[in-house]
Amino acid sequence: MAEEKSEIFDEILTTAEAAKYLKLSEQVVRRLDIPKMREGQIVRYRKKDLEAWVEARMQTVPEESPEA
């Protein structure tokens, strides 16, 4: 059980860690509509929520056809 708790908390990120993970600035991360946990001024993000947010914004780029 202690190992399960450890795994859960390993997946919770600060704003700075979330920004680094997404390769964005902290200011941008704060403005984005990403699910977050807030307790007073403390804000935390679940890694799986960040991944879901990225997946939801992925766009398929059509392959370029070779010029003949």
PDB file of N, CA and C in Angstrom:
ATOM      1  N   MET A   1       0.820  -1.192   0.000  1.00  0.00           N
ATOM      2  CA  MET A   1       0.000   0.000   0.000  1.00  0.00           C
ATOM      3  C   MET A   1       0.867   1.261   0.000  1.00  0.00           C
ATOM      4  N   ALA A   2       1.945   1.240   0.754  1.00  0.00           N
ATOM      5  CA  ALA A   2       2.840   2.392   0.787  1.00  0.00           C
ATOM      6  C   ALA A   2       3.442   2.640  -0.587  1.00  0.00           C
ATOM      7  N   GLU A   3       3.720   1.559  -1.316  1.00  0.00           N
ATOM      8  CA  GLU A   3       4.276   1.701  -2.661  1.00  0.00           C
ATOM      9  C   GLU A   3       3.265   2.348  -3.597  1.00  0.00           C
ATOM     10  N   GLU A   4       1.976   1.994  -3.468  1.00  0.00           N
ATOM     11  CA  GLU A   4       0.936   2.590  -4.298  1.00  0.00           C
ATOM     12  C   GLU A   4       0.835   4.085  -4.036  1.00  0.00           C
ATOM     13  N   LYS A   5       0.897   4.494  -2.765  1.00  0.00           N
ATOM     14  CA  LYS A   5       0.846   5.913  -2.428  1.00  0.00           C
ATOM     15  C   LYS A   5       2.025   6.644  -3.038  1.00  0.00           C
ATOM     16  N   SER A   6       3.193   6.045  -2.959  1.00  0.00           N
ATOM     17  CA  SER A   6       4.394   6.651  -3.522  1.00  0.00           C
ATOM     18  C   SER A   6       4.236   6.875  -5.017  1.00  0.00           C
ATOM     19  N   GLU A   7       3.686   5.885  -5.719  1.00  0.00           N
ATOM     20  CA  GLU A   7       3.488   6.014  -7.163  1.00  0.00           C
ATOM     21  C   GLU A   7       2.510   7.134  -7.482  1.00  0.00           C
ATOM     22  N   ILE A   8       1.454   7.255  -6.683  1.00  0.00           N
ATOM     23  CA  ILE A   8       0.468   8.310  -6.906  1.00  0.00           C
ATOM     24  C   ILE A   8       1.121   9.675  -6.752  1.00  0.00           C
ATOM     25  N   PHE A   9       1.894   9.863  -5.695  1.00  0.00           N
ATOM     26  CA  PHE A   9       2.499  11.162  -5.453  1.00  0.00           C
ATOM     27  C   PHE A   9       3.643  11.460  -6.414  1.00  0.00           C
ATOM     28  N   ASP A  10       4.261  10.436  -6.986  1.00  0.00           N
ATOM     29  CA  ASP A  10       5.284  10.661  -8.005  1.00  0.00           C
ATOM     30  C   ASP A  10       4.663  11.276  -9.255  1.00  0.00           C
ATOM     31  N   GLU A  11       3.369  11.070  -9.433  1.00  0.00           N
ATOM     32  CA  GLU A  11       2.675  11.557 -10.615  1.00  0.00           C
ATOM     33  C   GLU A  11       2.035  12.925 -10.401  1.00  0.00           C
ATOM     34  N   ILE A  12       2.236  13.543  -9.244  1.00  0.00           N
ATOM     35  CA  ILE A  12       1.692  14.864  -8.963  1.00  0.00           C
ATOM     36  C   ILE A  12       2.819  15.877  -9.099  1.00  0.00           C
ATOM     37  N   LEU A  13       2.584  16.892  -9.930  1.00  0.00           N
ATOM     38  CA  LEU A  13       3.630  17.850 -10.266  1.00  0.00           C
ATOM     39  C   LEU A  13       3.289  19.261  -9.804  1.00  0.00           C
ATOM     40  N   THR A  14       4.310  20.014  -9.469  1.00  0.00           N
ATOM     41  CA  THR A  14       4.152  21.439  -9.188  1.00  0.00           C
ATOM     42  C   THR A  14       3.980  22.166 -10.515  1.00  0.00           C
ATOM     43  N   THR A  15       3.671  23.447 -10.445  1.00  0.00           N
ATOM     44  CA  THR A  15       3.545  24.237 -11.672  1.00  0.00           C
ATOM     45  C   THR A  15       4.870  24.249 -12.428  1.00  0.00           C
ATOM     46  N   ALA A  16       5.974  24.388 -11.709  1.00  0.00           N
ATOM     47  CA  ALA A  16       7.292  24.402 -12.357  1.00  0.00           C
ATOM     48  C   ALA A  16       7.578  23.066 -13.039  1.00  0.00           C
ATOM     49  N   GLU A  17       7.249  21.967 -12.358  1.00  0.00           N
ATOM     50  CA  GLU A  17       7.478  20.642 -12.943  1.00  0.00           C
ATOM     51  C   GLU A  17       6.568  20.403 -14.147  1.00  0.00           C
ATOM     52  N   ALA A  18       5.313  20.855 -14.046  1.00  0.00           N
ATOM     53  CA  ALA A  18       4.377  20.709 -15.164  1.00  0.00           C
ATOM     54  C   ALA A  18       4.865  21.517 -16.363  1.00  0.00           C
ATOM     55  N   ALA A  19       5.360  22.718 -16.113  1.00  0.00           N
ATOM     56  CA  ALA A  19       5.872  23.562 -17.192  1.00  0.00           C
ATOM     57  C   ALA A  19       7.065  22.897 -17.873  1.00  0.00           C
ATOM     58  N   LYS A  20       7.954  22.347 -17.083  1.00  0.00           N
ATOM     59  CA  LYS A  20       9.121  21.661 -17.646  1.00  0.00           C
ATOM     60  C   LYS A  20       8.677  20.446 -18.459  1.00  0.00           C
ATOM     61  N   TYR A  21       7.729  19.680 -17.935  1.00  0.00           N
ATOM     62  CA  TYR A  21       7.229  18.485 -18.615  1.00  0.00           C
ATOM     63  C   TYR A  21       6.587  18.843 -19.960  1.00  0.00           C
ATOM     64  N   LEU A  22       5.821  19.949 -19.991  1.00  0.00           N
ATOM     65  CA  LEU A  22       5.139  20.371 -21.219  1.00  0.00           C
ATOM     66  C   LEU A  22       6.018  21.241 -22.117  1.00  0.00           C
ATOM     67  N   LYS A  23       7.181  21.621 -21.600  1.00  0.00           N
ATOM     68  CA  LYS A  23       8.101  22.514 -22.318  1.00  0.00           C
ATOM     69  C   LYS A  23       7.433  23.862 -22.613  1.00  0.00           C
ATOM     70  N   LEU A  24       6.778  24.378 -21.577  1.00  0.00           N
ATOM     71  CA  LEU A  24       6.121  25.679 -21.631  1.00  0.00           C
ATOM     72  C   LEU A  24       6.574  26.489 -20.426  1.00  0.00           C
ATOM     73  N   SER A  25       6.297  27.776 -20.442  1.00  0.00           N
ATOM     74  CA  SER A  25       6.635  28.589 -19.272  1.00  0.00           C
ATOM     75  C   SER A  25       5.592  28.359 -18.175  1.00  0.00           C
ATOM     76  N   GLU A  26       5.979  28.643 -16.944  1.00  0.00           N
ATOM     77  CA  GLU A  26       5.044  28.507 -15.824  1.00  0.00           C
ATOM     78  C   GLU A  26       3.839  29.419 -16.019  1.00  0.00           C
ATOM     79  N   GLN A  27       4.082  30.613 -16.539  1.00  0.00           N
ATOM     80  CA  GLN A  27       3.000  31.572 -16.764  1.00  0.00           C
ATOM     81  C   GLN A  27       1.969  30.998 -17.740  1.00  0.00           C
ATOM     82  N   VAL A  28       2.430  30.367 -18.795  1.00  0.00           N
ATOM     83  CA  VAL A  28       1.512  29.767 -19.769  1.00  0.00           C
ATOM     84  C   VAL A  28       0.739  28.621 -19.126  1.00  0.00           C
ATOM     85  N   VAL A  29       1.412  27.773 -18.371  1.00  0.00           N
ATOM     86  CA  VAL A  29       0.747  26.640 -17.714  1.00  0.00           C
ATOM     87  C   VAL A  29      -0.358  27.142 -16.789  1.00  0.00           C
ATOM     88  N   ARG A  30      -0.092  28.206 -16.054  1.00  0.00           N
ATOM     89  CA  ARG A  30      -1.106  28.749 -15.136  1.00  0.00           C
ATOM     90  C   ARG A  30      -2.354  29.214 -15.881  1.00  0.00           C
ATOM     91  N   ARG A  31      -2.188  29.721 -17.105  1.00  0.00           N
ATOM     92  CA  ARG A  31      -3.320  30.246 -17.872  1.00  0.00           C
ATOM     93  C   ARG A  31      -4.109  29.170 -18.600  1.00  0.00           C
ATOM     94  N   LEU A  32      -3.501  28.019 -18.822  1.00  0.00           N
ATOM     95  CA  LEU A  32      -4.158  26.969 -19.597  1.00  0.00           C
ATOM     96  C   LEU A  32      -5.297  26.326 -18.823  1.00  0.00           C
ATOM     97  N   ASP A  33      -6.228  25.774 -19.579  1.00  0.00           N
ATOM     98  CA  ASP A  33      -7.382  25.095 -18.986  1.00  0.00           C
ATOM     99  C   ASP A  33      -7.044  23.629 -18.750  1.00  0.00           C
ATOM    100  N   ILE A  34      -6.105  23.408 -17.828  1.00  0.00           N
ATOM    101  CA  ILE A  34      -5.673  22.057 -17.474  1.00  0.00           C
ATOM    102  C   ILE A  34      -6.239  21.763 -16.086  1.00  0.00           C
ATOM    103  N   PRO A  35      -6.821  20.574 -15.881  1.00  0.00           N
ATOM    104  CA  PRO A  35      -7.309  20.244 -14.536  1.00  0.00           C
ATOM    105  C   PRO A  35      -6.180  20.362 -13.510  1.00  0.00           C
ATOM    106  N   LYS A  36      -6.506  20.928 -12.378  1.00  0.00           N
ATOM    107  CA  LYS A  36      -5.498  21.110 -11.327  1.00  0.00           C
ATOM    108  C   LYS A  36      -6.137  20.942  -9.964  1.00  0.00           C
ATOM    109  N   MET A  37      -5.300  20.657  -8.991  1.00  0.00           N
ATOM    110  CA  MET A  37      -5.733  20.581  -7.597  1.00  0.00           C
ATOM    111  C   MET A  37      -5.231  21.844  -6.916  1.00  0.00           C
ATOM    112  N   ARG A  38      -6.099  22.488  -6.183  1.00  0.00           N
ATOM    113  CA  ARG A  38      -5.706  23.734  -5.528  1.00  0.00           C
ATOM    114  C   ARG A  38      -6.065  23.661  -4.048  1.00  0.00           C
ATOM    115  N   GLU A  39      -5.110  23.991  -3.219  1.00  0.00           N
ATOM    116  CA  GLU A  39      -5.324  24.092  -1.776  1.00  0.00           C
ATOM    117  C   GLU A  39      -4.705  25.413  -1.356  1.00  0.00           C
ATOM    118  N   GLY A  40      -5.545  26.436  -1.230  1.00  0.00           N
ATOM    119  CA  GLY A  40      -5.027  27.774  -0.972  1.00  0.00           C
ATOM    120  C   GLY A  40      -4.234  28.232  -2.189  1.00  0.00           C
ATOM    121  N   GLN A  41      -2.979  28.590  -1.965  1.00  0.00           N
ATOM    122  CA  GLN A  41      -2.140  29.022  -3.079  1.00  0.00           C
ATOM    123  C   GLN A  41      -1.317  27.891  -3.671  1.00  0.00           C
ATOM    124  N   ILE A  42      -1.433  26.704  -3.100  1.00  0.00           N
ATOM    125  CA  ILE A  42      -0.686  25.553  -3.609  1.00  0.00           C
ATOM    126  C   ILE A  42      -1.466  24.929  -4.762  1.00  0.00           C
ATOM    127  N   VAL A  43      -0.803  24.776  -5.891  1.00  0.00           N
ATOM    128  CA  VAL A  43      -1.426  24.193  -7.083  1.00  0.00           C
ATOM    129  C   VAL A  43      -0.604  22.988  -7.511  1.00  0.00           C
ATOM    130  N   ARG A  44      -1.291  21.905  -7.810  1.00  0.00           N
ATOM    131  CA  ARG A  44      -0.625  20.685  -8.271  1.00  0.00           C
ATOM    132  C   ARG A  44      -1.362  20.131  -9.478  1.00  0.00           C
ATOM    133  N   TYR A  45      -0.622  19.451 -10.341  1.00  0.00           N
ATOM    134  CA  TYR A  45      -1.163  18.856 -11.559  1.00  0.00           C
ATOM    135  C   TYR A  45      -0.869  17.366 -11.555  1.00  0.00           C
ATOM    136  N   ARG A  46      -1.825  16.557 -12.012  1.00  0.00           N
ATOM    137  CA  ARG A  46      -1.566  15.133 -12.181  1.00  0.00           C
ATOM    138  C   ARG A  46      -0.954  14.934 -13.559  1.00  0.00           C
ATOM    139  N   LYS A  47       0.089  14.150 -13.618  1.00  0.00           N
ATOM    140  CA  LYS A  47       0.779  13.898 -14.880  1.00  0.00           C
ATOM    141  C   LYS A  47      -0.184  13.339 -15.922  1.00  0.00           C
ATOM    142  N   LYS A  48      -1.093  12.451 -15.513  1.00  0.00           N
ATOM    143  CA  LYS A  48      -2.027  11.871 -16.481  1.00  0.00           C
ATOM    144  C   LYS A  48      -2.979  12.932 -17.036  1.00  0.00           C
ATOM    145  N   ASP A  49      -3.299  13.977 -16.258  1.00  0.00           N
ATOM    146  CA  ASP A  49      -4.132  15.064 -16.772  1.00  0.00           C
ATOM    147  C   ASP A  49      -3.371  15.899 -17.796  1.00  0.00           C
ATOM    148  N   LEU A  50      -2.079  16.097 -17.562  1.00  0.00           N
ATOM    149  CA  LEU A  50      -1.258  16.822 -18.538  1.00  0.00           C
ATOM    150  C   LEU A  50      -1.187  16.042 -19.846  1.00  0.00           C
ATOM    151  N   GLU A  51      -0.989  14.732 -19.738  1.00  0.00           N
ATOM    152  CA  GLU A  51      -0.913  13.889 -20.930  1.00  0.00           C
ATOM    153  C   GLU A  51      -2.239  13.891 -21.686  1.00  0.00           C
ATOM    154  N   ALA A  52      -3.356  13.836 -20.969  1.00  0.00           N
ATOM    155  CA  ALA A  52      -4.677  13.866 -21.607  1.00  0.00           C
ATOM    156  C   ALA A  52      -4.900  15.206 -22.299  1.00  0.00           C
ATOM    157  N   TRP A  53      -4.445  16.292 -21.675  1.00  0.00           N
ATOM    158  CA  TRP A  53      -4.586  17.624 -22.258  1.00  0.00           C
ATOM    159  C   TRP A  53      -3.815  17.710 -23.579  1.00  0.00           C
ATOM    160  N   VAL A  54      -2.604  17.170 -23.586  1.00  0.00           N
ATOM    161  CA  VAL A  54      -1.791  17.168 -24.811  1.00  0.00           C
ATOM    162  C   VAL A  54      -2.474  16.326 -25.885  1.00  0.00           C
ATOM    163  N   GLU A  55      -2.905  15.125 -25.527  1.00  0.00           N
ATOM    164  CA  GLU A  55      -3.560  14.227 -26.490  1.00  0.00           C
ATOM    165  C   GLU A  55      -4.792  14.875 -27.107  1.00  0.00           C
ATOM    166  N   ALA A  56      -5.560  15.601 -26.306  1.00  0.00           N
ATOM    167  CA  ALA A  56      -6.782  16.240 -26.794  1.00  0.00           C
ATOM    168  C   ALA A  56      -6.481  17.336 -27.813  1.00  0.00           C
ATOM    169  N   ARG A  57      -5.268  17.844 -27.796  1.00  0.00           N
ATOM    170  CA  ARG A  57      -4.904  18.934 -28.703  1.00  0.00           C
ATOM    171  C   ARG A  57      -4.054  18.490 -29.886  1.00  0.00           C
ATOM    172  N   MET A  58      -3.762  17.203 -29.952  1.00  0.00           N
ATOM    173  CA  MET A  58      -2.969  16.687 -31.067  1.00  0.00           C
ATOM    174  C   MET A  58      -3.798  16.747 -32.345  1.00  0.00           C
ATOM    175  N   GLN A  59      -3.161  17.155 -33.414  1.00  0.00           N
ATOM    176  CA  GLN A  59      -3.827  17.219 -34.707  1.00  0.00           C
ATOM    177  C   GLN A  59      -3.083  16.324 -35.674  1.00  0.00           C
ATOM    178  N   THR A  60      -3.839  15.656 -36.506  1.00  0.00           N
ATOM    179  CA  THR A  60      -3.227  14.828 -37.526  1.00  0.00           C
ATOM    180  C   THR A  60      -2.875  15.719 -38.707  1.00  0.00           C
ATOM    181  N   VAL A  61      -1.632  15.671 -39.092  1.00  0.00           N
ATOM    182  CA  VAL A  61      -1.170  16.457 -40.231  1.00  0.00           C
ATOM    183  C   VAL A  61      -1.174  15.543 -41.446  1.00  0.00           C
ATOM    184  N   PRO A  62      -1.898  15.927 -42.504  1.00  0.00           N
ATOM    185  CA  PRO A  62      -1.926  15.059 -43.684  1.00  0.00           C
ATOM    186  C   PRO A  62      -0.539  14.926 -44.298  1.00  0.00           C
ATOM    187  N   GLU A  63      -0.262  13.733 -44.773  1.00  0.00           N
ATOM    188  CA  GLU A  63       1.026  13.509 -45.428  1.00  0.00           C
ATOM    189  C   GLU A  63       1.054  14.257 -46.748  1.00  0.00           C
ATOM    190  N   GLU A  64       2.220  14.806 -47.048  1.00  0.00           N
ATOM    191  CA  GLU A  64       2.368  15.489 -48.331  1.00  0.00           C
ATOM    192  C   GLU A  64       2.562  14.444 -49.406  1.00  0.00           C
ATOM    193  N   SER A  65       1.843  14.611 -50.494  1.00  0.00           N
ATOM    194  CA  SER A  65       2.033  13.665 -51.591  1.00  0.00           C
ATOM    195  C   SER A  65       3.273  14.083 -52.370  1.00  0.00           C
ATOM    196  N   PRO A  66       4.061  13.102 -52.791  1.00  0.00           N
ATOM    197  CA  PRO A  66       5.278  13.443 -53.542  1.00  0.00           C
ATOM    198  C   PRO A  66       4.922  14.106 -54.866  1.00  0.00           C
ATOM    199  N   GLU A  67       5.671  15.122 -55.170  1.00  0.00           N
ATOM    200  CA  GLU A  67       5.454  15.840 -56.435  1.00  0.00           C
ATOM    201  C   GLU A  67       5.929  14.955 -57.581  1.00  0.00           C
ATOM    202  N   ALA A  68       5.095  14.779 -58.559  1.00  0.00           N
ATOM    203  CA  ALA A  68       5.464  13.910 -59.689  1.00  0.00           C
ATOM    204  C   ALA A  68       5.915  14.702 -60.869  1.00  0.00           C
TER     205      ALA A  68
END
